[in-house]
Amino acid sequence: MEFIINIIKAIRNLRSEYKLPPAQKVKAVIYAGVQIELLQSQAELIKNLRTGIGELEIKPAGEKLKQAAFATVDKIEIYIPLSGLINLDKEKAWMEKRAGELDQLIKNLAAKLKNKEFAKRAPKEIVEAETEKLKNYRAEYKKLKEQMMHLK
């Protein structure tokens, strides 16, 4: 059941990230791999637990969808086609801007952490916090680049 809950959370997160109104019904495509039977048996549950899905396609595999929100849960690919739902050009521009900001933050923070003086003088908690911040920036950057690839 936790697996299905994670699928539902991923769909809700995608809707939130792309600011899709809760009342707006969307299509979702799930490439379920070996979990196809489980997901097909739970399709109504997935649709009905406030995911806002009007149409749900569950397939074993398929081509990566373009112009779609994308998430993965345990090797299961989830797509929500965005064409006609949001301004894709505006979203791409925002993502490119944010990717540039993150790239700069990553470079600056990595340089700061490589500085021997900083590492020697800064309290251990600060160094650990900065290291964690760098890890988070890198994860956000990676996710953003992946999303950008699916919006093309």
N, C-alpha and C. Protein backbone atom coordinates (compact mmCIF):
# COMPACT_ATOMS: atom_id res chain seq x y z
N MET A 1 0.82 -1.21 0.00
CA MET A 1 0.00 0.00 0.00
C MET A 1 0.86 1.26 0.00
N GLU A 2 2.01 1.19 0.68
CA GLU A 2 2.91 2.34 0.73
C GLU A 2 3.36 2.74 -0.68
N PHE A 3 3.56 1.75 -1.53
CA PHE A 3 3.95 1.98 -2.92
C PHE A 3 2.90 2.83 -3.64
N ILE A 4 1.63 2.49 -3.48
CA ILE A 4 0.54 3.24 -4.11
C ILE A 4 0.47 4.65 -3.53
N ILE A 5 0.67 4.78 -2.24
CA ILE A 5 0.66 6.10 -1.60
C ILE A 5 1.78 6.97 -2.17
N ASN A 6 2.94 6.38 -2.41
CA ASN A 6 4.05 7.14 -3.00
C ASN A 6 3.75 7.59 -4.42
N ILE A 7 3.03 6.77 -5.17
CA ILE A 7 2.59 7.15 -6.52
C ILE A 7 1.65 8.36 -6.42
N ILE A 8 0.70 8.29 -5.52
CA ILE A 8 -0.27 9.37 -5.32
C ILE A 8 0.45 10.65 -4.90
N LYS A 9 1.39 10.54 -3.98
CA LYS A 9 2.16 11.71 -3.55
C LYS A 9 2.93 12.33 -4.71
N ALA A 10 3.52 11.49 -5.54
CA ALA A 10 4.29 11.98 -6.69
C ALA A 10 3.38 12.76 -7.64
N ILE A 11 2.19 12.25 -7.89
CA ILE A 11 1.24 12.94 -8.77
C ILE A 11 0.83 14.28 -8.16
N ARG A 12 0.52 14.27 -6.89
CA ARG A 12 0.15 15.53 -6.21
C ARG A 12 1.30 16.53 -6.24
N ASN A 13 2.52 16.05 -6.03
CA ASN A 13 3.68 16.94 -6.06
C ASN A 13 3.88 17.55 -7.44
N LEU A 14 3.69 16.75 -8.49
CA LEU A 14 3.80 17.28 -9.86
C LEU A 14 2.77 18.37 -10.10
N ARG A 15 1.55 18.11 -9.68
CA ARG A 15 0.49 19.11 -9.85
C ARG A 15 0.86 20.40 -9.13
N SER A 16 1.39 20.26 -7.94
CA SER A 16 1.78 21.42 -7.14
C SER A 16 2.95 22.18 -7.78
N GLU A 17 3.97 21.45 -8.22
CA GLU A 17 5.14 22.07 -8.83
C GLU A 17 4.78 22.89 -10.05
N TYR A 18 3.83 22.42 -10.82
CA TYR A 18 3.43 23.12 -12.05
C TYR A 18 2.18 23.98 -11.84
N LYS A 19 1.77 24.12 -10.59
CA LYS A 19 0.65 24.99 -10.21
C LYS A 19 -0.62 24.69 -11.00
N LEU A 20 -0.93 23.41 -11.12
CA LEU A 20 -2.17 23.00 -11.80
C LEU A 20 -3.30 23.08 -10.78
N PRO A 21 -4.37 23.82 -11.09
CA PRO A 21 -5.48 23.97 -10.14
C PRO A 21 -6.06 22.62 -9.72
N PRO A 22 -6.38 22.47 -8.45
CA PRO A 22 -6.91 21.19 -7.95
C PRO A 22 -8.16 20.70 -8.69
N ALA A 23 -9.00 21.63 -9.11
CA ALA A 23 -10.25 21.24 -9.78
C ALA A 23 -10.02 20.83 -11.24
N GLN A 24 -8.88 21.16 -11.79
CA GLN A 24 -8.60 20.85 -13.20
C GLN A 24 -8.21 19.38 -13.34
N LYS A 25 -9.01 18.65 -14.10
CA LYS A 25 -8.73 17.24 -14.34
C LYS A 25 -7.64 17.13 -15.40
N VAL A 26 -6.67 16.25 -15.13
CA VAL A 26 -5.56 16.07 -16.06
C VAL A 26 -5.44 14.60 -16.44
N LYS A 27 -4.66 14.38 -17.48
CA LYS A 27 -4.36 13.02 -17.90
C LYS A 27 -3.03 12.62 -17.27
N ALA A 28 -2.91 11.39 -16.87
CA ALA A 28 -1.64 10.87 -16.37
C ALA A 28 -1.32 9.57 -17.10
N VAL A 29 -0.05 9.39 -17.40
CA VAL A 29 0.43 8.17 -18.03
C VAL A 29 1.48 7.58 -17.10
N ILE A 30 1.29 6.31 -16.77
CA ILE A 30 2.23 5.63 -15.88
C ILE A 30 2.81 4.43 -16.62
N TYR A 31 4.14 4.38 -16.69
CA TYR A 31 4.83 3.22 -17.22
C TYR A 31 5.24 2.37 -16.02
N ALA A 32 4.49 1.30 -15.83
CA ALA A 32 4.55 0.54 -14.58
C ALA A 32 5.55 -0.61 -14.56
N GLY A 33 6.08 -0.98 -15.71
CA GLY A 33 7.01 -2.11 -15.73
C GLY A 33 6.37 -3.37 -15.17
N VAL A 34 7.07 -4.04 -14.28
CA VAL A 34 6.58 -5.30 -13.71
C VAL A 34 5.44 -5.09 -12.72
N GLN A 35 5.20 -3.85 -12.32
CA GLN A 35 4.13 -3.55 -11.36
C GLN A 35 2.79 -3.25 -12.05
N ILE A 36 2.68 -3.55 -13.32
CA ILE A 36 1.49 -3.16 -14.09
C ILE A 36 0.20 -3.73 -13.49
N GLU A 37 0.19 -4.99 -13.11
CA GLU A 37 -1.04 -5.58 -12.58
C GLU A 37 -1.47 -4.90 -11.28
N LEU A 38 -0.51 -4.64 -10.41
CA LEU A 38 -0.82 -3.96 -9.15
C LEU A 38 -1.40 -2.58 -9.42
N LEU A 39 -0.76 -1.82 -10.29
CA LEU A 39 -1.24 -0.46 -10.56
C LEU A 39 -2.58 -0.46 -11.27
N GLN A 40 -2.78 -1.39 -12.19
CA GLN A 40 -4.08 -1.46 -12.87
C GLN A 40 -5.18 -1.80 -11.87
N SER A 41 -4.88 -2.65 -10.91
CA SER A 41 -5.90 -3.01 -9.92
C SER A 41 -6.20 -1.85 -8.97
N GLN A 42 -5.27 -0.90 -8.87
CA GLN A 42 -5.45 0.24 -7.97
C GLN A 42 -5.72 1.55 -8.72
N ALA A 43 -6.02 1.45 -10.00
CA ALA A 43 -6.21 2.65 -10.83
C ALA A 43 -7.30 3.57 -10.29
N GLU A 44 -8.42 3.02 -9.88
CA GLU A 44 -9.51 3.86 -9.36
C GLU A 44 -9.10 4.55 -8.07
N LEU A 45 -8.38 3.85 -7.23
CA LEU A 45 -7.89 4.45 -5.99
C LEU A 45 -6.96 5.62 -6.31
N ILE A 46 -6.06 5.42 -7.24
CA ILE A 46 -5.12 6.48 -7.64
C ILE A 46 -5.89 7.68 -8.18
N LYS A 47 -6.90 7.43 -8.98
CA LYS A 47 -7.69 8.53 -9.56
C LYS A 47 -8.53 9.25 -8.52
N ASN A 48 -8.99 8.54 -7.52
CA ASN A 48 -9.96 9.12 -6.58
C ASN A 48 -9.37 9.77 -5.33
N LEU A 49 -8.10 9.58 -5.06
CA LEU A 49 -7.52 10.15 -3.84
C LEU A 49 -6.91 11.52 -4.09
N ARG A 50 -7.74 12.44 -4.48
CA ARG A 50 -7.40 13.86 -4.68
C ARG A 50 -6.15 14.08 -5.54
N THR A 51 -6.04 13.28 -6.59
CA THR A 51 -4.93 13.48 -7.52
C THR A 51 -5.35 14.36 -8.68
N GLY A 52 -6.65 14.54 -8.88
CA GLY A 52 -7.14 15.37 -9.97
C GLY A 52 -6.95 14.74 -11.34
N ILE A 53 -6.87 13.43 -11.38
CA ILE A 53 -6.69 12.74 -12.65
C ILE A 53 -8.05 12.42 -13.24
N GLY A 54 -8.25 12.85 -14.48
CA GLY A 54 -9.47 12.55 -15.19
C GLY A 54 -9.31 11.29 -16.03
N GLU A 55 -8.12 11.14 -16.60
CA GLU A 55 -7.82 9.98 -17.45
C GLU A 55 -6.48 9.40 -17.01
N LEU A 56 -6.45 8.10 -16.80
CA LEU A 56 -5.22 7.44 -16.34
C LEU A 56 -4.90 6.28 -17.27
N GLU A 57 -3.71 6.35 -17.87
CA GLU A 57 -3.22 5.25 -18.72
C GLU A 57 -2.10 4.55 -17.97
N ILE A 58 -2.22 3.25 -17.83
CA ILE A 58 -1.17 2.47 -17.18
C ILE A 58 -0.68 1.45 -18.19
N LYS A 59 0.61 1.55 -18.52
CA LYS A 59 1.21 0.67 -19.53
C LYS A 59 2.47 0.05 -18.94
N PRO A 60 2.91 -1.08 -19.51
CA PRO A 60 4.14 -1.67 -18.99
C PRO A 60 5.36 -0.78 -19.25
N ALA A 61 5.41 -0.15 -20.42
CA ALA A 61 6.53 0.73 -20.79
C ALA A 61 6.10 1.56 -21.99
N GLY A 62 6.93 2.50 -22.36
CA GLY A 62 6.62 3.32 -23.52
C GLY A 62 7.66 4.39 -23.73
N GLU A 63 7.39 5.19 -24.73
CA GLU A 63 8.28 6.28 -25.10
C GLU A 63 8.19 7.40 -24.07
N LYS A 64 9.32 8.03 -23.78
CA LYS A 64 9.31 9.16 -22.86
C LYS A 64 8.46 10.28 -23.47
N LEU A 65 7.52 10.78 -22.70
CA LEU A 65 6.64 11.84 -23.20
C LEU A 65 7.35 13.18 -23.13
N LYS A 66 7.14 13.99 -24.14
CA LYS A 66 7.68 15.35 -24.17
C LYS A 66 6.60 16.30 -23.69
N GLN A 67 7.01 17.49 -23.29
CA GLN A 67 6.10 18.52 -22.79
C GLN A 67 5.21 17.95 -21.68
N ALA A 68 5.87 17.27 -20.75
CA ALA A 68 5.13 16.62 -19.66
C ALA A 68 5.87 16.78 -18.35
N ALA A 69 5.10 16.87 -17.28
CA ALA A 69 5.68 16.80 -15.94
C ALA A 69 6.10 15.35 -15.74
N PHE A 70 7.18 15.14 -15.01
CA PHE A 70 7.75 13.80 -14.91
C PHE A 70 8.23 13.52 -13.49
N ALA A 71 7.96 12.30 -13.02
CA ALA A 71 8.48 11.85 -11.73
C ALA A 71 8.70 10.34 -11.81
N THR A 72 9.53 9.85 -10.92
CA THR A 72 9.72 8.41 -10.82
C THR A 72 9.49 7.98 -9.37
N VAL A 73 8.94 6.79 -9.24
CA VAL A 73 8.76 6.16 -7.93
C VAL A 73 9.17 4.71 -8.10
N ASP A 74 10.26 4.32 -7.49
CA ASP A 74 10.75 2.93 -7.58
C ASP A 74 10.75 2.41 -9.01
N LYS A 75 11.37 3.12 -9.91
CA LYS A 75 11.50 2.76 -11.34
C LYS A 75 10.20 2.85 -12.13
N ILE A 76 9.14 3.34 -11.52
CA ILE A 76 7.88 3.58 -12.22
C ILE A 76 7.92 5.01 -12.73
N GLU A 77 7.64 5.21 -14.02
CA GLU A 77 7.66 6.56 -14.60
C GLU A 77 6.24 7.11 -14.63
N ILE A 78 6.10 8.35 -14.17
CA ILE A 78 4.80 9.03 -14.14
C ILE A 78 4.91 10.29 -14.98
N TYR A 79 3.97 10.45 -15.91
CA TYR A 79 3.94 11.63 -16.77
C TYR A 79 2.58 12.30 -16.68
N ILE A 80 2.58 13.62 -16.66
CA ILE A 80 1.36 14.40 -16.81
C ILE A 80 1.60 15.35 -17.98
N PRO A 81 0.97 15.09 -19.15
CA PRO A 81 1.14 15.98 -20.29
C PRO A 81 0.69 17.40 -19.93
N LEU A 82 1.53 18.39 -20.24
CA LEU A 82 1.25 19.77 -19.83
C LEU A 82 0.80 20.67 -20.97
N SER A 83 0.90 20.20 -22.19
CA SER A 83 0.51 21.01 -23.34
C SER A 83 -0.95 21.44 -23.19
N GLY A 84 -1.17 22.74 -23.26
CA GLY A 84 -2.52 23.28 -23.12
C GLY A 84 -2.92 23.55 -21.68
N LEU A 85 -2.12 23.10 -20.72
CA LEU A 85 -2.44 23.32 -19.31
C LEU A 85 -1.66 24.50 -18.72
N ILE A 86 -0.43 24.67 -19.19
CA ILE A 86 0.41 25.77 -18.70
C ILE A 86 1.11 26.42 -19.88
N ASN A 87 1.69 27.58 -19.65
CA ASN A 87 2.50 28.25 -20.67
C ASN A 87 3.89 27.61 -20.63
N LEU A 88 4.15 26.72 -21.57
CA LEU A 88 5.40 25.96 -21.56
C LEU A 88 6.62 26.85 -21.76
N ASP A 89 6.51 27.87 -22.60
CA ASP A 89 7.64 28.77 -22.82
C ASP A 89 8.01 29.51 -21.54
N LYS A 90 7.00 29.96 -20.83
CA LYS A 90 7.23 30.67 -19.56
C LYS A 90 7.86 29.72 -18.54
N GLU A 91 7.38 28.50 -18.48
CA GLU A 91 7.91 27.50 -17.54
C GLU A 91 9.36 27.16 -17.88
N LYS A 92 9.65 26.99 -19.17
CA LYS A 92 11.03 26.70 -19.59
C LYS A 92 11.96 27.85 -19.23
N ALA A 93 11.50 29.08 -19.46
CA ALA A 93 12.31 30.26 -19.13
C ALA A 93 12.60 30.32 -17.64
N TRP A 94 11.58 30.06 -16.82
CA TRP A 94 11.78 30.06 -15.37
C TRP A 94 12.78 28.98 -14.97
N MET A 95 12.65 27.79 -15.56
CA MET A 95 13.55 26.69 -15.23
C MET A 95 14.99 27.01 -15.62
N GLU A 96 15.16 27.60 -16.80
CA GLU A 96 16.51 27.96 -17.24
C GLU A 96 17.12 29.00 -16.31
N LYS A 97 16.32 29.97 -15.89
CA LYS A 97 16.80 31.00 -14.96
C LYS A 97 17.19 30.35 -13.63
N ARG A 98 16.34 29.50 -13.10
CA ARG A 98 16.61 28.85 -11.82
C ARG A 98 17.84 27.94 -11.93
N ALA A 99 17.99 27.24 -13.06
CA ALA A 99 19.16 26.37 -13.26
C ALA A 99 20.44 27.20 -13.24
N GLY A 100 20.41 28.38 -13.85
CA GLY A 100 21.56 29.27 -13.83
C GLY A 100 21.89 29.73 -12.42
N GLU A 101 20.85 30.08 -11.66
CA GLU A 101 21.05 30.50 -10.27
C GLU A 101 21.66 29.36 -9.44
N LEU A 102 21.11 28.17 -9.61
CA LEU A 102 21.61 27.01 -8.86
C LEU A 102 23.05 26.69 -9.24
N ASP A 103 23.35 26.77 -10.53
CA ASP A 103 24.71 26.50 -11.00
C ASP A 103 25.70 27.44 -10.31
N GLN A 104 25.34 28.71 -10.24
CA GLN A 104 26.21 29.70 -9.59
C GLN A 104 26.33 29.43 -8.09
N LEU A 105 25.21 29.12 -7.45
CA LEU A 105 25.24 28.79 -6.02
C LEU A 105 26.13 27.57 -5.74
N ILE A 106 26.02 26.58 -6.60
CA ILE A 106 26.83 25.36 -6.44
C ILE A 106 28.31 25.68 -6.58
N LYS A 107 28.67 26.45 -7.61
CA LYS A 107 30.07 26.81 -7.83
C LYS A 107 30.62 27.59 -6.64
N ASN A 108 29.86 28.58 -6.17
CA ASN A 108 30.33 29.41 -5.06
C ASN A 108 30.48 28.60 -3.77
N LEU A 109 29.50 27.78 -3.49
CA LEU A 109 29.54 26.99 -2.26
C LEU A 109 30.64 25.93 -2.31
N ALA A 110 30.82 25.31 -3.47
CA ALA A 110 31.89 24.31 -3.62
C ALA A 110 33.25 24.97 -3.42
N ALA A 111 33.43 26.17 -3.98
CA ALA A 111 34.70 26.90 -3.80
C ALA A 111 34.91 27.25 -2.33
N LYS A 112 33.85 27.68 -1.68
CA LYS A 112 33.93 28.03 -0.25
C LYS A 112 34.36 26.81 0.58
N LEU A 113 33.76 25.67 0.29
CA LEU A 113 34.07 24.45 1.05
C LEU A 113 35.47 23.91 0.75
N LYS A 114 35.99 24.20 -0.44
CA LYS A 114 37.34 23.76 -0.79
C LYS A 114 38.41 24.65 -0.16
N ASN A 115 38.01 25.85 0.24
CA ASN A 115 38.94 26.80 0.85
C ASN A 115 39.40 26.24 2.20
N LYS A 116 40.69 25.98 2.31
CA LYS A 116 41.24 25.39 3.53
C LYS A 116 41.07 26.31 4.74
N GLU A 117 41.13 27.61 4.53
CA GLU A 117 40.96 28.57 5.63
C GLU A 117 39.54 28.49 6.20
N PHE A 118 38.55 28.40 5.30
CA PHE A 118 37.17 28.28 5.76
C PHE A 118 36.99 27.01 6.58
N ALA A 119 37.48 25.91 6.04
CA ALA A 119 37.33 24.62 6.72
C ALA A 119 38.04 24.61 8.07
N LYS A 120 39.15 25.33 8.16
CA LYS A 120 39.94 25.34 9.40
C LYS A 120 39.31 26.25 10.46
N ARG A 121 38.78 27.41 10.04
CA ARG A 121 38.30 28.41 10.99
C ARG A 121 36.81 28.30 11.34
N ALA A 122 36.03 27.83 10.40
CA ALA A 122 34.57 27.78 10.63
C ALA A 122 34.23 26.66 11.62
N PRO A 123 33.22 26.90 12.46
CA PRO A 123 32.77 25.83 13.36
C PRO A 123 32.29 24.61 12.56
N LYS A 124 32.47 23.46 13.14
CA LYS A 124 32.12 22.20 12.48
C LYS A 124 30.66 22.21 12.01
N GLU A 125 29.76 22.77 12.84
CA GLU A 125 28.33 22.80 12.49
C GLU A 125 28.09 23.62 11.22
N ILE A 126 28.84 24.70 11.07
CA ILE A 126 28.69 25.56 9.88
C ILE A 126 29.17 24.81 8.64
N VAL A 127 30.31 24.15 8.75
CA VAL A 127 30.83 23.38 7.61
C VAL A 127 29.84 22.29 7.22
N GLU A 128 29.29 21.60 8.21
CA GLU A 128 28.31 20.54 7.93
C GLU A 128 27.05 21.12 7.29
N ALA A 129 26.60 22.27 7.78
CA ALA A 129 25.40 22.91 7.22
C ALA A 129 25.64 23.34 5.78
N GLU A 130 26.82 23.88 5.50
CA GLU A 130 27.15 24.30 4.13
C GLU A 130 27.27 23.09 3.21
N THR A 131 27.83 22.02 3.72
CA THR A 131 27.95 20.79 2.93
C THR A 131 26.56 20.24 2.60
N GLU A 132 25.66 20.27 3.57
CA GLU A 132 24.29 19.81 3.35
C GLU A 132 23.57 20.71 2.34
N LYS A 133 23.80 22.01 2.45
CA LYS A 133 23.20 22.96 1.52
C LYS A 133 23.68 22.68 0.09
N LEU A 134 24.97 22.40 -0.06
CA LEU A 134 25.53 22.08 -1.38
C LEU A 134 24.88 20.81 -1.93
N LYS A 135 24.72 19.82 -1.09
CA LYS A 135 24.07 18.56 -1.50
C LYS A 135 22.65 18.84 -1.98
N ASN A 136 21.91 19.67 -1.26
CA ASN A 136 20.53 20.00 -1.63
C ASN A 136 20.47 20.78 -2.94
N TYR A 137 21.38 21.74 -3.12
CA TYR A 137 21.43 22.50 -4.37
C TYR A 137 21.70 21.57 -5.55
N ARG A 138 22.62 20.64 -5.37
CA ARG A 138 22.95 19.70 -6.45
C ARG A 138 21.76 18.80 -6.78
N ALA A 139 21.03 18.35 -5.77
CA ALA A 139 19.85 17.51 -6.00
C ALA A 139 18.77 18.30 -6.73
N GLU A 140 18.54 19.55 -6.32
CA GLU A 140 17.54 20.39 -6.98
C GLU A 140 17.94 20.65 -8.43
N TYR A 141 19.22 20.92 -8.66
CA TYR A 141 19.73 21.17 -10.01
C TYR A 141 19.52 19.95 -10.90
N LYS A 142 19.85 18.77 -10.38
CA LYS A 142 19.68 17.53 -11.15
C LYS A 142 18.21 17.31 -11.50
N LYS A 143 17.33 17.50 -10.53
CA LYS A 143 15.90 17.32 -10.76
C LYS A 143 15.38 18.33 -11.79
N LEU A 144 15.84 19.57 -11.67
CA LEU A 144 15.42 20.62 -12.58
C LEU A 144 15.85 20.31 -14.01
N LYS A 145 17.08 19.85 -14.18
CA LYS A 145 17.58 19.49 -15.52
C LYS A 145 16.76 18.35 -16.11
N GLU A 146 16.40 17.39 -15.28
CA GLU A 146 15.58 16.27 -15.73
C GLU A 146 14.21 16.76 -16.18
N GLN A 147 13.61 17.67 -15.40
CA GLN A 147 12.31 18.23 -15.76
C GLN A 147 12.41 19.02 -17.06
N MET A 148 13.48 19.78 -17.22
CA MET A 148 13.66 20.57 -18.43
C MET A 148 13.73 19.67 -19.66
N MET A 149 14.37 18.54 -19.52
CA MET A 149 14.49 17.59 -20.62
C MET A 149 13.11 17.11 -21.07
N HIS A 150 12.20 16.94 -20.13
CA HIS A 150 10.86 16.44 -20.46
C HIS A 150 9.93 17.52 -20.99
N LEU A 151 10.31 18.79 -20.84
CA LEU A 151 9.47 19.87 -21.35
C LEU A 151 9.79 20.21 -22.80
N LYS A 152 10.86 19.67 -23.33
CA LYS A 152 11.26 19.98 -24.72
C LYS A 152 10.30 19.40 -25.71
